[in-house]
Protein backbone atom coordinates (compact mmCIF):
# COMPACT_ATOMS: atom_id res chain seq x y z
CA MET A 1 78.96 106.44 99.82
CA LYS A 2 75.44 105.10 99.28
CA ASP A 3 74.49 107.23 96.28
CA PRO A 4 74.45 105.18 93.04
CA VAL A 5 75.77 108.15 91.04
CA LEU A 6 78.83 108.43 93.28
CA LYS A 7 79.48 104.69 93.10
CA GLN A 8 79.25 104.68 89.30
CA ALA A 9 81.29 107.88 88.89
CA LYS A 10 84.07 106.46 91.05
CA ALA A 11 84.01 103.17 89.10
CA TRP A 12 84.41 105.11 85.86
CA GLY A 13 87.35 107.12 87.22
CA PHE A 14 85.74 110.48 87.94
CA VAL A 15 87.04 112.44 90.93
CA CYS A 16 84.48 112.42 93.75
CA GLN A 17 85.09 114.65 96.77
CA GLU A 18 83.17 115.80 99.80
CA ASP A 19 83.59 119.48 100.69
CA ASN A 20 83.77 121.06 104.16
CA GLN A 21 79.96 121.24 104.42
CA GLY A 22 79.56 117.55 103.58
CA THR A 23 78.34 118.15 100.02
CA TRP A 24 79.50 115.61 97.45
CA GLN A 25 80.90 116.81 94.14
CA ILE A 26 81.95 115.03 90.96
CA PHE A 27 84.66 116.50 88.74
CA PRO A 28 85.49 115.68 85.10
CA GLN A 29 88.25 113.26 84.18
CA GLN A 30 89.84 115.80 81.85
CA PHE A 31 90.87 119.12 83.35
CA LYS A 32 89.97 121.11 80.23
CA GLU A 33 86.27 120.34 80.76
CA ARG A 34 84.56 123.03 82.84
CA TRP A 35 81.67 121.21 84.47
CA THR A 36 81.06 119.83 87.94
CA MET A 37 78.13 118.08 89.57
CA ARG A 38 77.06 118.76 93.15
CA LEU A 39 74.62 116.70 95.20
CA VAL A 40 71.86 119.03 96.43
CA GLU A 41 69.34 117.18 98.61
CA ASP A 42 68.23 114.28 96.40
CA ARG A 43 69.30 115.56 92.95
CA TRP A 44 72.53 116.44 91.19
CA LEU A 45 73.14 120.04 90.15
CA LEU A 46 75.13 120.36 86.93
CA ILE A 47 77.37 123.42 86.95
CA VAL A 48 79.12 124.56 83.77
CA GLY A 49 81.83 127.13 84.33
CA ASP A 50 80.50 128.81 87.44
CA THR A 51 76.86 128.82 86.32
CA PRO A 52 74.32 126.30 87.67
CA GLN A 53 72.46 124.74 84.74
CA VAL A 54 70.02 121.99 85.68
CA HIS A 55 69.06 119.57 88.46
CA LEU A 56 69.39 115.93 87.40
CA TYR A 57 67.81 112.81 88.83
CA SER A 58 70.20 109.93 89.51
CA HIS A 59 69.55 108.12 86.22
CA GLU A 60 70.06 111.37 84.28
CA ALA A 61 73.30 112.10 86.12
CA ILE A 62 74.62 108.61 85.35
CA THR A 63 73.73 109.06 81.67
CA PHE A 64 75.56 112.41 81.63
CA LEU A 65 78.66 110.82 83.17
CA GLU A 66 78.52 107.81 80.85
CA ARG A 67 78.71 110.08 77.82
CA ARG A 68 81.72 111.91 79.25
CA ARG A 69 83.84 109.06 80.52
CA ARG A 70 87.05 108.12 78.78
């Protein structure tokens, strides 16, 4: 796990999982939140509900997670 976003997310207690295709995903700490983040090439795709919203650079993804950690 070389990606700095994954390392930080794991340190903050977010669930980080790799799917069958080898794509990393980050899930919220609280189940009532409906977002996920998926690593697509070199950026993180924020998905809210089932709708892709925006691609984030690593520093933006970390900021997003920082604001949502417990």
